[in-house]
Protein backbone atom coordinates (compact mmCIF):
# COMPACT_ATOMS: atom_id res chain seq x y z
CA UNK A 1 112.43 110.94 -24.95
CA UNK A 2 108.56 108.45 -25.71
CA UNK A 3 108.54 104.87 -24.89
CA UNK A 4 108.68 103.94 -28.52
CA UNK A 5 112.12 106.57 -29.16
CA UNK A 6 114.29 103.17 -28.25
CA UNK A 7 113.02 100.64 -30.45
CA UNK A 8 114.34 103.36 -33.43
CA UNK A 9 118.20 103.63 -31.89
CA UNK A 10 118.59 100.46 -30.95
CA UNK A 11 117.94 96.58 -32.73
CA UNK A 12 114.80 95.24 -32.02
CA UNK A 13 115.22 92.74 -28.14
CA UNK A 14 116.19 89.53 -29.57
CA UNK A 15 117.32 89.87 -32.97
CA UNK A 16 119.30 86.99 -34.29
CA UNK A 17 121.18 87.37 -37.67
CA UNK A 18 121.54 83.77 -38.69
CA UNK A 19 125.11 85.04 -40.45
CA UNK A 20 126.18 85.24 -37.15
CA UNK A 21 125.42 81.69 -35.87
CA UNK A 22 126.33 79.63 -38.98
CA UNK A 23 129.75 77.83 -39.24
CA UNK A 24 132.46 79.00 -41.14
CA UNK A 25 134.08 76.17 -43.44
CA UNK A 26 137.09 76.68 -44.81
CA UNK A 27 136.81 75.74 -49.08
CA UNK A 28 139.49 74.34 -50.93
CA UNK A 29 140.89 76.28 -53.64
CA UNK A 30 138.13 77.15 -56.17
CA UNK A 31 135.08 75.95 -54.46
CA UNK A 32 134.80 79.25 -53.33
CA UNK A 33 132.16 79.17 -56.44
CA UNK A 34 130.45 76.30 -55.16
CA UNK A 35 127.01 77.22 -53.73
CA UNK A 36 128.17 77.90 -49.98
CA UNK A 37 130.95 80.69 -51.42
CA UNK A 38 128.25 82.00 -53.90
CA UNK A 39 125.64 82.76 -51.53
CA UNK A 40 128.13 84.24 -49.10
CA UNK A 41 129.16 86.88 -52.05
CA UNK A 42 125.13 87.82 -53.07
CA UNK A 43 124.34 88.51 -49.32
CA UNK A 44 127.40 90.87 -48.50
CA UNK A 45 127.38 92.47 -52.23
CA UNK A 46 123.59 93.56 -52.19
CA UNK A 47 123.43 94.34 -48.08
CA UNK A 48 124.11 98.34 -47.61
CA UNK A 49 126.12 99.03 -44.09
CA UNK A 50 124.50 99.67 -41.45
CA UNK A 51 126.38 103.59 -41.38
CA UNK A 52 125.17 104.15 -44.79
CA UNK A 53 120.88 103.61 -43.23
CA UNK A 54 121.72 105.82 -40.85
CA UNK A 55 122.85 108.22 -43.26
CA UNK A 56 120.27 108.37 -44.90
CA UNK A 57 117.67 108.35 -41.94
CA UNK A 58 119.35 111.68 -40.80
CA UNK A 59 119.05 112.96 -44.33
CA UNK A 60 115.33 112.24 -44.31
CA UNK A 61 114.22 113.44 -41.40
CA UNK A 62 116.32 116.38 -41.82
CA UNK A 63 113.65 117.50 -44.47
CA UNK A 64 110.75 116.54 -43.31
CA UNK A 65 111.97 118.71 -40.67
CA UNK A 66 112.71 121.79 -42.77
CA UNK A 67 109.75 121.08 -44.28
CA UNK A 68 107.43 121.18 -41.57
CA UNK A 69 109.21 124.31 -40.06
CA UNK A 70 108.70 126.07 -43.36
CA UNK A 71 104.64 124.81 -43.26
CA UNK A 72 104.24 125.90 -40.13
CA UNK A 73 105.64 129.63 -41.00
CA UNK A 74 103.95 129.86 -43.87
CA UNK A 75 100.83 129.16 -41.89
CA UNK A 76 101.33 131.35 -39.56
CA UNK A 77 102.72 134.10 -41.16
CA UNK A 78 99.47 134.42 -44.32
CA UNK A 79 96.92 136.34 -42.60
CA UNK A 80 95.17 136.51 -46.49
CA UNK A 81 94.97 133.01 -46.82
CA UNK A 82 92.67 130.62 -46.31
CA UNK A 83 94.38 128.71 -43.50
CA UNK A 84 95.23 131.69 -42.08
CA UNK A 85 91.61 132.68 -41.37
CA UNK A 86 91.21 129.10 -39.68
CA UNK A 87 93.86 129.74 -37.45
CA UNK A 88 93.05 133.01 -36.42
CA UNK A 89 89.36 131.11 -35.27
CA UNK A 90 90.95 128.59 -33.61
CA UNK A 91 93.20 131.32 -31.78
CA UNK A 92 91.12 134.52 -31.10
CA UNK A 93 93.29 135.07 -28.79
CA UNK A 94 96.57 134.91 -30.27
CA UNK A 95 98.27 137.81 -31.87
CA UNK A 96 96.97 139.14 -35.00
CA UNK A 97 100.11 142.30 -35.78
CA UNK A 98 97.79 144.73 -35.80
CA UNK A 99 99.08 148.30 -33.86
CA UNK A 100 97.74 148.16 -30.03
CA UNK A 101 95.53 151.31 -29.03
CA UNK A 102 97.81 154.13 -27.83
CA UNK A 103 94.90 155.73 -25.38
CA UNK A 104 94.71 155.31 -21.70
CA UNK A 105 92.44 156.45 -19.70
CA UNK A 106 92.61 156.37 -15.80
CA UNK A 107 95.70 154.19 -16.16
CA UNK A 108 93.63 151.66 -18.42
CA UNK A 109 93.92 151.30 -22.31
CA UNK A 110 91.28 153.10 -24.81
CA UNK A 111 90.14 153.95 -28.21
CA UNK A 112 89.60 149.66 -29.17
CA UNK A 113 88.45 149.20 -32.63
CA UNK A 114 85.03 148.44 -33.25
CA UNK A 115 85.85 145.03 -33.97
CA UNK A 116 85.46 141.82 -32.95
CA UNK A 117 89.51 141.85 -32.06
CA UNK A 118 89.11 145.12 -30.22
CA UNK A 119 85.78 143.74 -28.08
CA UNK A 120 88.26 141.04 -26.78
CA UNK A 121 90.89 143.42 -26.19
CA UNK A 122 88.80 145.77 -24.47
CA UNK A 123 86.90 143.02 -22.26
CA UNK A 124 90.64 141.41 -21.16
CA UNK A 125 91.73 144.92 -20.58
CA UNK A 126 88.51 146.09 -18.53
CA UNK A 127 89.01 142.66 -16.44
CA UNK A 128 92.34 143.52 -15.48
CA UNK A 129 90.88 146.94 -14.07
CA UNK A 130 88.06 145.72 -11.97
CA UNK A 131 90.03 142.69 -10.59
CA UNK A 132 92.63 145.08 -9.12
CA UNK A 133 93.91 146.21 -6.20
CA UNK A 134 92.33 149.95 -7.26
CA UNK A 135 88.89 148.49 -6.79
CA UNK A 136 89.00 148.63 -2.77
CA UNK A 137 89.54 152.29 -2.95
CA UNK A 138 86.40 154.23 -3.20
CA UNK A 139 87.89 157.07 -4.95
CA UNK A 140 89.94 154.57 -7.49
CA UNK A 141 86.85 152.65 -7.86
CA UNK A 142 84.52 155.24 -8.92
CA UNK A 143 87.41 155.96 -11.16
CA UNK A 144 87.54 152.76 -12.61
CA UNK A 145 84.22 152.16 -12.87
CA UNK A 146 82.90 155.59 -14.70
CA UNK A 147 86.35 155.03 -17.59
CA UNK A 148 85.11 150.50 -17.79
CA UNK A 149 81.07 150.93 -17.84
CA UNK A 150 78.68 152.51 -20.22
CA UNK A 151 76.95 156.17 -18.38
CA UNK A 152 73.78 154.32 -17.16
CA UNK A 153 75.61 151.46 -16.45
CA UNK A 154 77.84 153.52 -14.18
CA UNK A 155 75.49 155.14 -12.64
CA UNK A 156 73.86 152.43 -11.00
CA UNK A 157 76.81 150.52 -10.04
CA UNK A 158 78.62 153.02 -8.04
CA UNK A 159 76.29 152.94 -5.56
CA UNK A 160 76.08 148.94 -5.59
CA UNK A 161 79.72 148.22 -5.70
CA UNK A 162 80.49 150.82 -2.00
CA UNK A 163 77.86 148.72 -0.17
CA UNK A 164 79.76 145.97 -1.13
CA UNK A 165 83.37 146.68 -0.92
CA UNK A 166 81.80 148.08 2.95
CA UNK A 167 83.93 148.49 6.13
CA UNK A 168 82.96 144.96 7.66
CA UNK A 169 84.24 143.92 4.08
CA UNK A 170 87.01 145.38 4.17
CA UNK A 171 88.22 144.34 7.79
CA UNK A 172 87.35 140.65 6.66
CA UNK A 173 90.39 140.97 4.37
CA UNK A 174 92.36 142.94 6.66
CA UNK A 175 92.30 146.20 5.40
CA UNK A 176 91.31 149.68 6.27
CA UNK A 177 88.06 151.85 5.39
CA UNK A 178 90.35 153.38 2.73
CA UNK A 179 91.14 149.59 1.36
CA UNK A 180 95.09 150.04 2.68
CA UNK A 181 96.77 146.74 4.85
CA UNK A 182 98.97 147.04 7.81
CA UNK A 183 102.28 148.38 8.09
CA UNK A 184 104.39 145.51 7.19
CA UNK A 185 102.55 143.73 5.22
CA UNK A 186 101.66 143.75 1.32
CA UNK A 187 97.40 143.24 -0.05
CA UNK A 188 96.97 141.74 -3.59
CA UNK A 189 94.75 141.65 -6.03
CA UNK A 190 95.37 140.91 -9.59
CA UNK A 191 93.42 139.16 -12.77
CA UNK A 192 95.57 137.56 -15.03
CA UNK A 193 93.82 136.54 -18.64
CA UNK A 194 94.34 133.38 -19.88
CA UNK A 195 92.35 133.68 -23.38
CA UNK A 196 89.55 135.28 -24.85
CA UNK A 197 86.05 134.53 -27.11
CA UNK A 198 83.36 136.17 -28.97
CA UNK A 199 80.16 134.98 -27.71
CA UNK A 200 78.17 137.10 -30.17
CA UNK A 201 79.03 140.31 -31.89
CA UNK A 202 76.66 142.60 -34.51
CA UNK A 203 77.00 146.16 -34.86
CA UNK A 204 77.09 148.30 -31.62
CA UNK A 205 77.26 145.21 -29.16
CA UNK A 206 79.09 142.26 -28.57
CA UNK A 207 78.81 139.37 -26.16
CA UNK A 208 83.29 138.55 -24.98
CA UNK A 209 83.97 136.07 -21.83
CA UNK A 210 87.60 136.00 -20.27
CA UNK A 211 89.06 132.96 -18.72
CA UNK A 212 90.99 134.49 -16.52
CA UNK A 213 93.66 133.26 -12.98
CA UNK A 214 93.22 135.99 -10.01
CA UNK A 215 95.75 136.38 -7.00
CA UNK A 216 93.99 138.00 -3.92
CA UNK A 217 94.77 137.71 -0.27
CA UNK A 218 97.28 139.09 2.23
CA UNK A 219 101.11 139.12 2.11
CA UNK A 220 103.20 139.35 5.41
CA UNK A 221 104.10 137.80 8.48
CA UNK A 222 100.67 136.59 10.68
CA UNK A 223 98.41 137.04 7.83
CA UNK A 224 95.29 135.02 8.54
CA UNK A 225 94.20 135.38 4.58
CA UNK A 226 97.28 134.05 2.77
CA UNK A 227 97.15 134.81 -1.18
CA UNK A 228 95.40 132.52 -3.43
CA UNK A 229 94.96 131.64 -6.52
CA UNK A 230 91.30 132.12 -7.88
CA UNK A 231 90.05 130.67 -11.60
CA UNK A 232 87.07 131.86 -13.01
CA UNK A 233 85.11 133.03 -16.06
CA UNK A 234 84.11 136.71 -16.55
CA UNK A 235 81.89 137.30 -19.35
CA UNK A 236 80.73 141.58 -20.32
CA UNK A 237 77.88 142.86 -22.54
CA UNK A 238 80.02 145.51 -24.58
CA UNK A 239 77.92 148.52 -26.58
CA UNK A 240 79.86 151.11 -28.43
CA UNK A 241 79.73 154.34 -26.73
CA UNK A 242 81.74 157.24 -26.91
CA UNK A 243 83.88 155.91 -29.77
CA UNK A 244 84.99 153.09 -27.53
CA UNK A 245 83.30 149.58 -26.13
CA UNK A 246 81.59 150.23 -22.65
CA UNK A 247 80.57 147.59 -20.56
CA UNK A 248 76.79 147.57 -20.12
CA UNK A 249 76.86 145.02 -17.53
CA UNK A 250 79.04 141.36 -16.68
CA UNK A 251 78.92 137.81 -15.05
CA UNK A 252 81.34 135.75 -13.16
CA UNK A 253 81.02 131.81 -12.74
CA UNK A 254 83.50 129.66 -11.55
CA UNK A 255 85.86 127.85 -13.78
CA UNK A 256 87.40 126.25 -15.57
CA UNK A 257 90.35 125.29 -13.22
CA UNK A 258 93.14 122.77 -13.64
CA UNK A 259 94.56 120.65 -11.47
CA UNK A 260 97.05 122.00 -8.40
CA UNK A 261 100.24 122.04 -9.73
CA UNK A 262 103.24 120.22 -7.67
CA UNK A 263 105.06 123.98 -7.22
CA UNK A 264 105.68 124.43 -2.97
CA UNK A 265 103.66 127.41 -1.87
CA UNK A 266 106.39 130.37 -1.34
CA UNK A 267 106.49 132.07 1.92
CA UNK A 268 104.58 135.36 2.25
CA UNK A 269 108.60 137.57 2.28
CA UNK A 270 108.48 135.76 -1.24
CA UNK A 271 105.34 136.89 -2.76
CA UNK A 272 105.40 140.75 -0.99
CA UNK A 273 108.76 140.81 -3.02
CA UNK A 274 107.21 139.38 -6.29
CA UNK A 275 103.91 141.89 -6.26
CA UNK A 276 107.29 144.98 -5.39
CA UNK A 277 109.53 143.38 -8.00
CA UNK A 278 106.55 142.55 -11.26
CA UNK A 279 103.94 145.11 -12.35
CA UNK A 280 100.51 143.86 -13.60
CA UNK A 281 100.03 143.88 -17.57
CA UNK A 282 98.09 145.38 -19.62
CA UNK A 283 96.42 143.43 -22.53
CA UNK A 284 95.93 145.84 -25.73
CA UNK A 285 97.43 143.23 -27.60
């Protein structure tokens, strides 16, 4: 309840009603038609009761609430109206009601339509795959890159990625040369898209930015690299290739990052259990 709500639920502080402070004088029979008697009857007859005011107020508020709800429903459901189109622009990742893609390649959604929504969906799905723990194993990493990137870009990228995911780098994360965690520990790497936006779209090309939060770290007793969160923006330059959107180039930058909340960090055991119980999502919309 907002601070101002009490003003509507109770009388204003300091309100004084004159009728409650006056001195009542009993008049003789027949004198009730005098100035005092006539005035008191006039006031009583013209003033509605408090219960009646309350009932009328409730009815007015109810009507207003129903009207507001109906207006919101019609704006969201009528995709053909002008207001519906404006709403879609303001909420680029809002559900559209269109069926998501049904194809899948290497566990990654595929067959995105050649539309702005299709480009957004592709970028979000690709961010999930590229931010997953499959990237820390050479074989699965090559499969992910071949699936997501255009052929010429994939050929150049695989060698660069192999050097980036070196044995020394994996060792710093607590992983062996094949990207496996030690026994009794759980390595976590997940990307969770928060929203997408189309920066440009023209013909066979699209540039889409994905704002996301990520989880990365090692959960388990004695871990020196606890699971932490990141906030980044991943921008993909997409091109239409082989009847689907493929990545030609991509770049990341930090943020936007919100203020940390007041929720206490969970134990390594709770984090490991959550990763095992809760699977990740795809974002085919």
